[in-house]
Every structure is written in structure tokens, then in C-alpha cells.
Amino acid sequence: MSDCIFCKIVRGEIPCAKVYEDDHVLAFDDIHPMAPTHVVIIPKNHIPTLMDVDAANTNIINHLMTAAQKVARIKGIADRGFRVAINCNVEGGQVVFHLHVHVLGGRKLQDELG
């Protein structure tokens, strides 16, 4: 989508602090972190929400979770622990309607979600 901020990041039109990238996903530091480590992982193809994952693109979930593991190792939080969150739709807290995963860590996390 031409007006999606995450699509613009994928295309290089908006800079990001890249943490990890492969053929399927891009991970970068969140600009409004909710924990000392807060990385957003997005598929390179536009998928609006988790509810838009279907049989044709279900493999993206595997790519996102594998990237979350790699990001945790890169950021040094894999052994200490971290949270992976996907917000879905407005009441689920989704702000940008491009499927994305939050990886949060760097301190003991309580009930708050990113």
C-alpha cells in the first residue's frame, strides 16, 4: 500500500534503525519504546492484520517468530526473557494496519503489553 508507513519503511522511503532483515521480514527499533528493548518486526508484504493471514500467506507467521528469536539473540535478551506481542484491530491496540510483532525486553515485564 502506498500510504502505509511500514510499507514506506520497507521501500526505504522512511529510515529506520534496522535490527534484522531477510527476504521476508524487516525488524527495527520502535520509535516509542515501551521497554528498554522494543523491536518491531514486519512482513515485507502488506498484510493489514493478523486476521488477514490465510492459507496463501500463513508461512509469514513462521518467518515472524523466527525473526523474533533472532532479534532476541541480537539484542541480548534471549536468555533473560522477552515478550512477543501482536496487536490486532482497534480494540486490540493496533495502531498501524500492517501486521507487526513487538519484541519487548531488557527488564522484568509485568502486565503491560507493547
PDB file of N, CA and C in Angstrom:
ATOM      1  N   MET A   1       0.839  -1.185   0.000  1.00  0.00           N
ATOM      2  CA  MET A   1       0.000   0.000   0.000  1.00  0.00           C
ATOM      3  C   MET A   1       0.881   1.245   0.000  1.00  0.00           C
ATOM      4  N   SER A   2       0.539   2.182  -0.820  1.00  0.00           N
ATOM      5  CA  SER A   2       1.401   3.349  -0.995  1.00  0.00           C
ATOM      6  C   SER A   2       1.426   4.274   0.212  1.00  0.00           C
ATOM      7  N   ASP A   3       0.358   4.333   1.006  1.00  0.00           N
ATOM      8  CA  ASP A   3       0.327   5.264   2.134  1.00  0.00           C
ATOM      9  C   ASP A   3       0.634   4.608   3.476  1.00  0.00           C
ATOM     10  N   CYS A   4       0.925   3.315   3.514  1.00  0.00           N
ATOM     11  CA  CYS A   4       1.229   2.606   4.755  1.00  0.00           C
ATOM     12  C   CYS A   4       2.653   2.953   5.215  1.00  0.00           C
ATOM     13  N   ILE A   5       2.778   3.416   6.455  1.00  0.00           N
ATOM     14  CA  ILE A   5       4.087   3.828   6.967  1.00  0.00           C
ATOM     15  C   ILE A   5       5.080   2.663   6.991  1.00  0.00           C
ATOM     16  N   PHE A   6       4.614   1.462   7.329  1.00  0.00           N
ATOM     17  CA  PHE A   6       5.521   0.318   7.355  1.00  0.00           C
ATOM     18  C   PHE A   6       5.934  -0.083   5.943  1.00  0.00           C
ATOM     19  N   CYS A   7       5.042   0.036   4.970  1.00  0.00           N
ATOM     20  CA  CYS A   7       5.421  -0.231   3.576  1.00  0.00           C
ATOM     21  C   CYS A   7       6.474   0.775   3.107  1.00  0.00           C
ATOM     22  N   LYS A   8       6.337   2.016   3.550  1.00  0.00           N
ATOM     23  CA  LYS A   8       7.328   3.042   3.206  1.00  0.00           C
ATOM     24  C   LYS A   8       8.678   2.716   3.830  1.00  0.00           C
ATOM     25  N   ILE A   9       8.684   2.163   5.032  1.00  0.00           N
ATOM     26  CA  ILE A   9       9.939   1.756   5.674  1.00  0.00           C
ATOM     27  C   ILE A   9      10.566   0.612   4.889  1.00  0.00           C
ATOM     28  N   VAL A  10       9.765  -0.366   4.495  1.00  0.00           N
ATOM     29  CA  VAL A  10      10.270  -1.492   3.702  1.00  0.00           C
ATOM     30  C   VAL A  10      10.894  -0.992   2.394  1.00  0.00           C
ATOM     31  N   ARG A  11      10.247  -0.026   1.758  1.00  0.00           N
ATOM     32  CA  ARG A  11      10.748   0.512   0.476  1.00  0.00           C
ATOM     33  C   ARG A  11      11.931   1.461   0.657  1.00  0.00           C
ATOM     34  N   GLY A  12      12.287   1.799   1.896  1.00  0.00           N
ATOM     35  CA  GLY A  12      13.412   2.698   2.148  1.00  0.00           C
ATOM     36  C   GLY A  12      13.056   4.160   2.046  1.00  0.00           C
ATOM     37  N   GLU A  13      11.772   4.487   1.967  1.00  0.00           N
ATOM     38  CA  GLU A  13      11.337   5.881   1.870  1.00  0.00           C
ATOM     39  C   GLU A  13      11.377   6.575   3.228  1.00  0.00           C
ATOM     40  N   ILE A  14      11.281   5.811   4.288  1.00  0.00           N
ATOM     41  CA  ILE A  14      11.385   6.316   5.657  1.00  0.00           C
ATOM     42  C   ILE A  14      12.499   5.523   6.327  1.00  0.00           C
ATOM     43  N   PRO A  15      13.469   6.210   6.946  1.00  0.00           N
ATOM     44  CA  PRO A  15      14.567   5.475   7.589  1.00  0.00           C
ATOM     45  C   PRO A  15      14.120   4.775   8.865  1.00  0.00           C
ATOM     46  N   CYS A  16      14.868   3.755   9.228  1.00  0.00           N
ATOM     47  CA  CYS A  16      14.618   3.051  10.483  1.00  0.00           C
ATOM     48  C   CYS A  16      15.953   2.590  11.052  1.00  0.00           C
ATOM     49  N   ALA A  17      15.937   2.269  12.333  1.00  0.00           N
ATOM     50  CA  ALA A  17      17.119   1.706  12.993  1.00  0.00           C
ATOM     51  C   ALA A  17      17.009   0.189  12.852  1.00  0.00           C
ATOM     52  N   LYS A  18      17.508  -0.324  11.736  1.00  0.00           N
ATOM     53  CA  LYS A  18      17.359  -1.735  11.394  1.00  0.00           C
ATOM     54  C   LYS A  18      18.104  -2.625  12.377  1.00  0.00           C
ATOM     55  N   VAL A  19      17.425  -3.670  12.822  1.00  0.00           N
ATOM     56  CA  VAL A  19      17.995  -4.659  13.725  1.00  0.00           C
ATOM     57  C   VAL A  19      18.260  -5.960  12.979  1.00  0.00           C
ATOM     58  N   TYR A  20      17.336  -6.329  12.074  1.00  0.00           N
ATOM     59  CA  TYR A  20      17.437  -7.595  11.346  1.00  0.00           C
ATOM     60  C   TYR A  20      16.615  -7.481  10.062  1.00  0.00           C
ATOM     61  N   GLU A  21      17.088  -8.189   9.022  1.00  0.00           N
ATOM     62  CA  GLU A  21      16.336  -8.218   7.773  1.00  0.00           C
ATOM     63  C   GLU A  21      16.651  -9.504   7.033  1.00  0.00           C
ATOM     64  N   ASP A  22      15.625 -10.064   6.405  1.00  0.00           N
ATOM     65  CA  ASP A  22      15.830 -11.176   5.479  1.00  0.00           C
ATOM     66  C   ASP A  22      14.880 -10.967   4.301  1.00  0.00           C
ATOM     67  N   ASP A  23      14.684 -11.982   3.495  1.00  0.00           N
ATOM     68  CA  ASP A  23      13.839 -11.840   2.305  1.00  0.00           C
ATOM     69  C   ASP A  23      12.372 -11.598   2.628  1.00  0.00           C
ATOM     70  N   HIS A  24      11.941 -11.953   3.832  1.00  0.00           N
ATOM     71  CA  HIS A  24      10.519 -11.918   4.164  1.00  0.00           C
ATOM     72  C   HIS A  24      10.127 -10.857   5.181  1.00  0.00           C
ATOM     73  N   VAL A  25      11.050 -10.489   6.083  1.00  0.00           N
ATOM     74  CA  VAL A  25      10.710  -9.580   7.177  1.00  0.00           C
ATOM     75  C   VAL A  25      11.789  -8.514   7.371  1.00  0.00           C
ATOM     76  N   LEU A  26      11.391  -7.459   8.057  1.00  0.00           N
ATOM     77  CA  LEU A  26      12.294  -6.387   8.462  1.00  0.00           C
ATOM     78  C   LEU A  26      12.017  -6.095   9.922  1.00  0.00           C
ATOM     79  N   ALA A  27      13.071  -5.981  10.726  1.00  0.00           N
ATOM     80  CA  ALA A  27      12.941  -5.670  12.152  1.00  0.00           C
ATOM     81  C   ALA A  27      13.709  -4.384  12.447  1.00  0.00           C
ATOM     82  N   PHE A  28      13.091  -3.525  13.242  1.00  0.00           N
ATOM     83  CA  PHE A  28      13.725  -2.245  13.578  1.00  0.00           C
ATOM     84  C   PHE A  28      13.286  -1.801  14.966  1.00  0.00           C
ATOM     85  N   ASP A  29      14.102  -0.935  15.566  1.00  0.00           N
ATOM     86  CA  ASP A  29      13.783  -0.401  16.884  1.00  0.00           C
ATOM     87  C   ASP A  29      12.521   0.457  16.814  1.00  0.00           C
ATOM     88  N   ASP A  30      11.626   0.267  17.795  1.00  0.00           N
ATOM     89  CA  ASP A  30      10.397   1.052  17.876  1.00  0.00           C
ATOM     90  C   ASP A  30      10.762   2.495  18.228  1.00  0.00           C
ATOM     91  N   ILE A  31      10.103   3.454  17.589  1.00  0.00           N
ATOM     92  CA  ILE A  31      10.423   4.865  17.865  1.00  0.00           C
ATOM     93  C   ILE A  31       9.781   5.360  19.163  1.00  0.00           C
ATOM     94  N   HIS A  32       8.848   4.592  19.716  1.00  0.00           N
ATOM     95  CA  HIS A  32       8.233   4.911  21.010  1.00  0.00           C
ATOM     96  C   HIS A  32       8.323   3.670  21.896  1.00  0.00           C
ATOM     97  N   PRO A  33       9.540   3.346  22.366  1.00  0.00           N
ATOM     98  CA  PRO A  33       9.723   2.089  23.104  1.00  0.00           C
ATOM     99  C   PRO A  33       8.964   2.045  24.420  1.00  0.00           C
ATOM    100  N   MET A  34       8.428   0.853  24.691  1.00  0.00           N
ATOM    101  CA  MET A  34       7.710   0.618  25.942  1.00  0.00           C
ATOM    102  C   MET A  34       8.536  -0.228  26.900  1.00  0.00           C
ATOM    103  N   ALA A  35       9.761  -0.533  26.521  1.00  0.00           N
ATOM    104  CA  ALA A  35      10.704  -1.290  27.347  1.00  0.00           C
ATOM    105  C   ALA A  35      12.096  -0.923  26.852  1.00  0.00           C
ATOM    106  N   PRO A  36      13.141  -1.220  27.636  1.00  0.00           N
ATOM    107  CA  PRO A  36      14.498  -0.900  27.177  1.00  0.00           C
ATOM    108  C   PRO A  36      14.821  -1.494  25.796  1.00  0.00           C
ATOM    109  N   THR A  37      14.316  -2.680  25.522  1.00  0.00           N
ATOM    110  CA  THR A  37      14.412  -3.258  24.187  1.00  0.00           C
ATOM    111  C   THR A  37      12.999  -3.352  23.643  1.00  0.00           C
ATOM    112  N   HIS A  38      12.758  -2.712  22.514  1.00  0.00           N
ATOM    113  CA  HIS A  38      11.444  -2.768  21.871  1.00  0.00           C
ATOM    114  C   HIS A  38      11.664  -2.717  20.362  1.00  0.00           C
ATOM    115  N   VAL A  39      11.520  -3.871  19.747  1.00  0.00           N
ATOM    116  CA  VAL A  39      11.750  -4.014  18.310  1.00  0.00           C
ATOM    117  C   VAL A  39      10.437  -4.394  17.646  1.00  0.00           C
ATOM    118  N   VAL A  40      10.184  -3.816  16.479  1.00  0.00           N
ATOM    119  CA  VAL A  40       9.014  -4.137  15.679  1.00  0.00           C
ATOM    120  C   VAL A  40       9.485  -4.976  14.491  1.00  0.00           C
ATOM    121  N   ILE A  41       8.790  -6.084  14.238  1.00  0.00           N
ATOM    122  CA  ILE A  41       9.103  -6.946  13.097  1.00  0.00           C
ATOM    123  C   ILE A  41       7.906  -6.935  12.168  1.00  0.00           C
ATOM    124  N   ILE A  42       8.146  -6.629  10.902  1.00  0.00           N
ATOM    125  CA  ILE A  42       7.060  -6.543   9.925  1.00  0.00           C
ATOM    126  C   ILE A  42       7.334  -7.446   8.732  1.00  0.00           C
ATOM    127  N   PRO A  43       6.273  -8.007   8.156  1.00  0.00           N
ATOM    128  CA  PRO A  43       6.469  -8.706   6.884  1.00  0.00           C
ATOM    129  C   PRO A  43       6.720  -7.664   5.792  1.00  0.00           C
ATOM    130  N   LYS A  44       7.499  -8.017   4.807  1.00  0.00           N
ATOM    131  CA  LYS A  44       7.776  -7.091   3.716  1.00  0.00           C
ATOM    132  C   LYS A  44       6.563  -6.915   2.806  1.00  0.00           C
ATOM    133  N   ASN A  45       5.693  -7.902   2.776  1.00  0.00           N
ATOM    134  CA  ASN A  45       4.443  -7.782   2.027  1.00  0.00           C
ATOM    135  C   ASN A  45       3.377  -7.224   2.952  1.00  0.00           C
ATOM    136  N   HIS A  46       2.524  -6.371   2.404  1.00  0.00           N
ATOM    137  CA  HIS A  46       1.480  -5.747   3.214  1.00  0.00           C
ATOM    138  C   HIS A  46       0.379  -6.751   3.542  1.00  0.00           C
ATOM    139  N   ILE A  47       0.215  -6.988   4.839  1.00  0.00           N
ATOM    140  CA  ILE A  47      -0.895  -7.768   5.380  1.00  0.00           C
ATOM    141  C   ILE A  47      -1.466  -6.882   6.481  1.00  0.00           C
ATOM    142  N   PRO A  48      -2.711  -6.431   6.373  1.00  0.00           N
ATOM    143  CA  PRO A  48      -3.223  -5.444   7.325  1.00  0.00           C
ATOM    144  C   PRO A  48      -3.251  -5.895   8.785  1.00  0.00           C
ATOM    145  N   THR A  49      -3.792  -7.079   9.077  1.00  0.00           N
ATOM    146  CA  THR A  49      -3.926  -7.524  10.462  1.00  0.00           C
ATOM    147  C   THR A  49      -3.662  -9.020  10.546  1.00  0.00           C
ATOM    148  N   LEU A  50      -3.581  -9.513  11.754  1.00  0.00           N
ATOM    149  CA  LEU A  50      -3.445 -10.953  11.968  1.00  0.00           C
ATOM    150  C   LEU A  50      -4.625 -11.702  11.358  1.00  0.00           C
ATOM    151  N   MET A  51      -5.789 -11.094  11.347  1.00  0.00           N
ATOM    152  CA  MET A  51      -6.974 -11.730  10.785  1.00  0.00           C
ATOM    153  C   MET A  51      -6.904 -11.851   9.264  1.00  0.00           C
ATOM    154  N   ASP A  52      -5.943 -11.194   8.637  1.00  0.00           N
ATOM    155  CA  ASP A  52      -5.771 -11.281   7.191  1.00  0.00           C
ATOM    156  C   ASP A  52      -4.755 -12.337   6.781  1.00  0.00           C
ATOM    157  N   VAL A  53      -4.188 -13.049   7.746  1.00  0.00           N
ATOM    158  CA  VAL A  53      -3.309 -14.169   7.437  1.00  0.00           C
ATOM    159  C   VAL A  53      -4.212 -15.331   7.030  1.00  0.00           C
ATOM    160  N   ASP A  54      -3.915 -15.911   5.863  1.00  0.00           N
ATOM    161  CA  ASP A  54      -4.731 -17.021   5.369  1.00  0.00           C
ATOM    162  C   ASP A  54      -3.829 -18.096   4.777  1.00  0.00           C
ATOM    163  N   ALA A  55      -4.417 -19.070   4.146  1.00  0.00           N
ATOM    164  CA  ALA A  55      -3.657 -20.203   3.603  1.00  0.00           C
ATOM    165  C   ALA A  55      -2.586 -19.758   2.612  1.00  0.00           C
ATOM    166  N   ALA A  56      -2.823 -18.662   1.919  1.00  0.00           N
ATOM    167  CA  ALA A  56      -1.863 -18.188   0.917  1.00  0.00           C
ATOM    168  C   ALA A  56      -0.625 -17.544   1.540  1.00  0.00           C
ATOM    169  N   ASN A  57      -0.740 -17.048   2.773  1.00  0.00           N
ATOM    170  CA  ASN A  57       0.401 -16.346   3.375  1.00  0.00           C
ATOM    171  C   ASN A  57       0.697 -16.789   4.804  1.00  0.00           C
ATOM    172  N   THR A  58       0.183 -17.923   5.207  1.00  0.00           N
ATOM    173  CA  THR A  58       0.350 -18.388   6.585  1.00  0.00           C
ATOM    174  C   THR A  58       1.814 -18.588   6.978  1.00  0.00           C
ATOM    175  N   ASN A  59       2.684 -18.830   6.009  1.00  0.00           N
ATOM    176  CA  ASN A  59       4.112 -19.017   6.319  1.00  0.00           C
ATOM    177  C   ASN A  59       4.743 -17.763   6.927  1.00  0.00           C
ATOM    178  N   ILE A  60       4.095 -16.622   6.797  1.00  0.00           N
ATOM    179  CA  ILE A  60       4.676 -15.399   7.354  1.00  0.00           C
ATOM    180  C   ILE A  60       4.752 -15.477   8.874  1.00  0.00           C
ATOM    181  N   ILE A  61       3.849 -16.206   9.507  1.00  0.00           N
ATOM    182  CA  ILE A  61       3.899 -16.334  10.969  1.00  0.00           C
ATOM    183  C   ILE A  61       5.197 -17.019  11.388  1.00  0.00           C
ATOM    184  N   ASN A  62       5.588 -18.060  10.663  1.00  0.00           N
ATOM    185  CA  ASN A  62       6.859 -18.729  10.948  1.00  0.00           C
ATOM    186  C   ASN A  62       8.030 -17.768  10.764  1.00  0.00           C
ATOM    187  N   HIS A  63       8.009 -16.991   9.705  1.00  0.00           N
ATOM    188  CA  HIS A  63       9.087 -16.027   9.469  1.00  0.00           C
ATOM    189  C   HIS A  63       9.147 -14.976  10.579  1.00  0.00           C
ATOM    190  N   LEU A  64       7.992 -14.505  11.030  1.00  0.00           N
ATOM    191  CA  LEU A  64       7.962 -13.505  12.102  1.00  0.00           C
ATOM    192  C   LEU A  64       8.500 -14.074  13.412  1.00  0.00           C
ATOM    193  N   MET A  65       8.121 -15.308  13.743  1.00  0.00           N
ATOM    194  CA  MET A  65       8.574 -15.906  15.004  1.00  0.00           C
ATOM    195  C   MET A  65      10.064 -16.252  14.951  1.00  0.00           C
ATOM    196  N   THR A  66      10.541 -16.718  13.805  1.00  0.00           N
ATOM    197  CA  THR A  66      11.976 -16.977  13.647  1.00  0.00           C
ATOM    198  C   THR A  66      12.757 -15.678  13.773  1.00  0.00           C
ATOM    199  N   ALA A  67      12.238 -14.622  13.189  1.00  0.00           N
ATOM    200  CA  ALA A  67      12.884 -13.310  13.301  1.00  0.00           C
ATOM    201  C   ALA A  67      12.872 -12.826  14.745  1.00  0.00           C
ATOM    202  N   ALA A  68      11.799 -13.105  15.488  1.00  0.00           N
ATOM    203  CA  ALA A  68      11.734 -12.704  16.904  1.00  0.00           C
ATOM    204  C   ALA A  68      12.847 -13.385  17.692  1.00  0.00           C
ATOM    205  N   GLN A  69      13.098 -14.656  17.416  1.00  0.00           N
ATOM    206  CA  GLN A  69      14.199 -15.365  18.074  1.00  0.00           C
ATOM    207  C   GLN A  69      15.539 -14.716  17.723  1.00  0.00           C
ATOM    208  N   LYS A  70      15.733 -14.401  16.463  1.00  0.00           N
ATOM    209  CA  LYS A  70      16.997 -13.783  16.030  1.00  0.00           C
ATOM    210  C   LYS A  70      17.173 -12.407  16.646  1.00  0.00           C
ATOM    211  N   VAL A  71      16.110 -11.625  16.693  1.00  0.00           N
ATOM    212  CA  VAL A  71      16.168 -10.299  17.301  1.00  0.00           C
ATOM    213  C   VAL A  71      16.524 -10.413  18.788  1.00  0.00           C
ATOM    214  N   ALA A  72      15.911 -11.366  19.482  1.00  0.00           N
ATOM    215  CA  ALA A  72      16.207 -11.561  20.913  1.00  0.00           C
ATOM    216  C   ALA A  72      17.681 -11.883  21.112  1.00  0.00           C
ATOM    217  N   ARG A  73      18.245 -12.696  20.244  1.00  0.00           N
ATOM    218  CA  ARG A  73      19.681 -13.008  20.347  1.00  0.00           C
ATOM    219  C   ARG A  73      20.533 -11.776  20.036  1.00  0.00           C
ATOM    220  N   ILE A  74      20.177 -11.065  18.974  1.00  0.00           N
ATOM    221  CA  ILE A  74      20.931  -9.866  18.586  1.00  0.00           C
ATOM    222  C   ILE A  74      20.919  -8.838  19.711  1.00  0.00           C
ATOM    223  N   LYS A  75      19.781  -8.648  20.340  1.00  0.00           N
ATOM    224  CA  LYS A  75      19.628  -7.637  21.389  1.00  0.00           C
ATOM    225  C   LYS A  75      20.079  -8.125  22.768  1.00  0.00           C
ATOM    226  N   GLY A  76      20.463  -9.402  22.876  1.00  0.00           N
ATOM    227  CA  GLY A  76      20.985  -9.914  24.141  1.00  0.00           C
ATOM    228  C   GLY A  76      19.930 -10.198  25.195  1.00  0.00           C
ATOM    229  N   ILE A  77      18.697 -10.459  24.772  1.00  0.00           N
ATOM    230  CA  ILE A  77      17.630 -10.717  25.740  1.00  0.00           C
ATOM    231  C   ILE A  77      17.092 -12.149  25.655  1.00  0.00           C
ATOM    232  N   ALA A  78      17.662 -12.967  24.791  1.00  0.00           N
ATOM    233  CA  ALA A  78      17.147 -14.322  24.570  1.00  0.00           C
ATOM    234  C   ALA A  78      17.166 -15.159  25.847  1.00  0.00           C
ATOM    235  N   ASP A  79      18.239 -15.122  26.581  1.00  0.00           N
ATOM    236  CA  ASP A  79      18.360 -15.946  27.779  1.00  0.00           C
ATOM    237  C   ASP A  79      17.638 -15.340  28.983  1.00  0.00           C
ATOM    238  N   ARG A  80      17.574 -14.028  29.051  1.00  0.00           N
ATOM    239  CA  ARG A  80      16.929 -13.357  30.186  1.00  0.00           C
ATOM    240  C   ARG A  80      15.414 -13.426  30.096  1.00  0.00           C
ATOM    241  N   GLY A  81      14.885 -13.405  28.883  1.00  0.00           N
ATOM    242  CA  GLY A  81      13.448 -13.448  28.662  1.00  0.00           C
ATOM    243  C   GLY A  81      12.951 -12.206  27.957  1.00  0.00           C
ATOM    244  N   PHE A  82      11.845 -12.367  27.256  1.00  0.00           N
ATOM    245  CA  PHE A  82      11.263 -11.282  26.481  1.00  0.00           C
ATOM    246  C   PHE A  82       9.814 -11.609  26.192  1.00  0.00           C
ATOM    247  N   ARG A  83       9.096 -10.635  25.680  1.00  0.00           N
ATOM    248  CA  ARG A  83       7.694 -10.792  25.309  1.00  0.00           C
ATOM    249  C   ARG A  83       7.550 -10.574  23.811  1.00  0.00           C
ATOM    250  N   VAL A  84       6.689 -11.366  23.196  1.00  0.00           N
ATOM    251  CA  VAL A  84       6.310 -11.191  21.794  1.00  0.00           C
ATOM    252  C   VAL A  84       4.824 -10.882  21.780  1.00  0.00           C
ATOM    253  N   ALA A  85       4.432  -9.782  21.150  1.00  0.00           N
ATOM    254  CA  ALA A  85       3.020  -9.385  21.135  1.00  0.00           C
ATOM    255  C   ALA A  85       2.595  -8.996  19.730  1.00  0.00           C
ATOM    256  N   ILE A  86       1.368  -9.378  19.386  1.00  0.00           N
ATOM    257  CA  ILE A  86       0.738  -8.951  18.140  1.00  0.00           C
ATOM    258  C   ILE A  86      -0.584  -8.298  18.524  1.00  0.00           C
ATOM    259  N   ASN A  87      -0.733  -7.028  18.234  1.00  0.00           N
ATOM    260  CA  ASN A  87      -1.992  -6.331  18.463  1.00  0.00           C
ATOM    261  C   ASN A  87      -2.836  -6.467  17.198  1.00  0.00           C
ATOM    262  N   CYS A  88      -4.131  -6.727  17.363  1.00  0.00           N
ATOM    263  CA  CYS A  88      -4.993  -6.943  16.206  1.00  0.00           C
ATOM    264  C   CYS A  88      -6.239  -6.068  16.290  1.00  0.00           C
ATOM    265  N   ASN A  89      -6.375  -5.209  15.314  1.00  0.00           N
ATOM    266  CA  ASN A  89      -7.511  -4.296  15.179  1.00  0.00           C
ATOM    267  C   ASN A  89      -7.543  -3.267  16.312  1.00  0.00           C
ATOM    268  N   VAL A  90      -8.474  -2.340  16.209  1.00  0.00           N
ATOM    269  CA  VAL A  90      -8.507  -1.174  17.088  1.00  0.00           C
ATOM    270  C   VAL A  90      -8.605  -1.554  18.562  1.00  0.00           C
ATOM    271  N   GLU A  91      -9.545  -2.400  18.916  1.00  0.00           N
ATOM    272  CA  GLU A  91      -9.713  -2.741  20.326  1.00  0.00           C
ATOM    273  C   GLU A  91      -8.575  -3.597  20.859  1.00  0.00           C
ATOM    274  N   GLY A  92      -7.797  -4.199  19.968  1.00  0.00           N
ATOM    275  CA  GLY A  92      -6.622  -4.952  20.369  1.00  0.00           C
ATOM    276  C   GLY A  92      -5.382  -4.082  20.487  1.00  0.00           C
ATOM    277  N   GLY A  93      -5.528  -2.788  20.196  1.00  0.00           N
ATOM    278  CA  GLY A  93      -4.414  -1.855  20.332  1.00  0.00           C
ATOM    279  C   GLY A  93      -3.595  -1.646  19.077  1.00  0.00           C
ATOM    280  N   GLN A  94      -4.038  -2.174  17.939  1.00  0.00           N
ATOM    281  CA  GLN A  94      -3.277  -1.988  16.707  1.00  0.00           C
ATOM    282  C   GLN A  94      -3.432  -0.554  16.226  1.00  0.00           C
ATOM    283  N   VAL A  95      -2.308   0.102  15.960  1.00  0.00           N
ATOM    284  CA  VAL A  95      -2.302   1.493  15.514  1.00  0.00           C
ATOM    285  C   VAL A  95      -1.950   1.573  14.028  1.00  0.00           C
ATOM    286  N   VAL A  96      -0.956   0.797  13.615  1.00  0.00           N
ATOM    287  CA  VAL A  96      -0.558   0.749  12.201  1.00  0.00           C
ATOM    288  C   VAL A  96      -1.139  -0.532  11.622  1.00  0.00           C
ATOM    289  N   PHE A  97      -1.932  -0.388  10.567  1.00  0.00           N
ATOM    290  CA  PHE A  97      -2.601  -1.546   9.993  1.00  0.00           C
ATOM    291  C   PHE A  97      -1.766  -2.204   8.906  1.00  0.00           C
ATOM    292  N   HIS A  98      -0.659  -2.752   9.392  1.00  0.00           N
ATOM    293  CA  HIS A  98       0.280  -3.600   8.657  1.00  0.00           C
ATOM    294  C   HIS A  98       0.733  -4.580   9.723  1.00  0.00           C
ATOM    295  N   LEU A  99       0.435  -5.855   9.538  1.00  0.00           N
ATOM    296  CA  LEU A  99       0.774  -6.860  10.539  1.00  0.00           C
ATOM    297  C   LEU A  99       2.175  -6.617  11.082  1.00  0.00           C
ATOM    298  N   HIS A 100       2.321  -6.654  12.400  1.00  0.00           N
ATOM    299  CA  HIS A 100       3.636  -6.491  13.005  1.00  0.00           C
ATOM    300  C   HIS A 100       3.684  -7.161  14.372  1.00  0.00           C
ATOM    301  N   VAL A 101       4.888  -7.527  14.746  1.00  0.00           N
ATOM    302  CA  VAL A 101       5.169  -8.194  16.006  1.00  0.00           C
ATOM    303  C   VAL A 101       6.054  -7.278  16.834  1.00  0.00           C
ATOM    304  N   HIS A 102       5.719  -7.142  18.116  1.00  0.00           N
ATOM    305  CA  HIS A 102       6.563  -6.398  19.042  1.00  0.00           C
ATOM    306  C   HIS A 102       7.405  -7.398  19.832  1.00  0.00           C
ATOM    307  N   VAL A 103       8.698  -7.129  19.944  1.00  0.00           N
ATOM    308  CA  VAL A 103       9.588  -7.899  20.813  1.00  0.00           C
ATOM    309  C   VAL A 103      10.041  -6.931  21.902  1.00  0.00           C
ATOM    310  N   LEU A 104       9.672  -7.233  23.143  1.00  0.00           N
ATOM    311  CA  LEU A 104       9.970  -6.347  24.265  1.00  0.00           C
ATOM    312  C   LEU A 104      10.786  -7.080  25.313  1.00  0.00           C
ATOM    313  N   GLY A 105      11.768  -6.395  25.879  1.00  0.00           N
ATOM    314  CA  GLY A 105      12.573  -6.989  26.923  1.00  0.00           C
ATOM    315  C   GLY A 105      13.528  -5.972  27.507  1.00  0.00           C
ATOM    316  N   GLY A 106      14.540  -6.484  28.213  1.00  0.00           N
ATOM    317  CA  GLY A 106      15.539  -5.611  28.816  1.00  0.00           C
ATOM    318  C   GLY A 106      15.240  -5.258  30.254  1.00  0.00           C
ATOM    319  N   ARG A 107      14.098  -5.700  30.752  1.00  0.00           N
ATOM    320  CA  ARG A 107      13.725  -5.541  32.162  1.00  0.00           C
ATOM    321  C   ARG A 107      12.614  -6.553  32.434  1.00  0.00           C
ATOM    322  N   LYS A 108      12.305  -6.754  33.714  1.00  0.00           N
ATOM    323  CA  LYS A 108      11.214  -7.650  34.060  1.00  0.00           C
ATOM    324  C   LYS A 108       9.904  -7.019  33.626  1.00  0.00           C
ATOM    325  N   LEU A 109       9.152  -7.713  32.795  1.00  0.00           N
ATOM    326  CA  LEU A 109       7.894  -7.205  32.289  1.00  0.00           C
ATOM    327  C   LEU A 109       6.750  -7.691  33.177  1.00  0.00           C
ATOM    328  N   GLN A 110       5.806  -6.814  33.429  1.00  0.00           N
ATOM    329  CA  GLN A 110       4.640  -7.150  34.245  1.00  0.00           C
ATOM    330  C   GLN A 110       3.431  -7.357  33.339  1.00  0.00           C
ATOM    331  N   ASP A 111       2.342  -6.684  33.617  1.00  0.00           N
ATOM    332  CA  ASP A 111       1.102  -6.864  32.867  1.00  0.00           C
ATOM    333  C   ASP A 111       0.973  -5.983  31.641  1.00  0.00           C
ATOM    334  N   GLU A 112       1.805  -4.973  31.519  1.00  0.00           N
ATOM    335  CA  GLU A 112       1.680  -4.065  30.380  1.00  0.00           C
ATOM    336  C   GLU A 112       2.079  -4.791  29.088  1.00  0.00           C
ATOM    337  N   LEU A 113       1.416  -4.435  28.039  1.00  0.00           N
ATOM    338  CA  LEU A 113       1.725  -5.012  26.732  1.00  0.00           C
ATOM    339  C   LEU A 113       2.166  -3.908  25.791  1.00  0.00           C
ATOM    340  N   GLY A 114       3.061  -4.267  24.846  1.00  0.00           N
ATOM    341  CA  GLY A 114       3.513  -3.286  23.879  1.00  0.00           C
ATOM    342  C   GLY A 114       2.825  -3.408  22.579  1.00  0.00           C
TER     343      GLY A 114
END
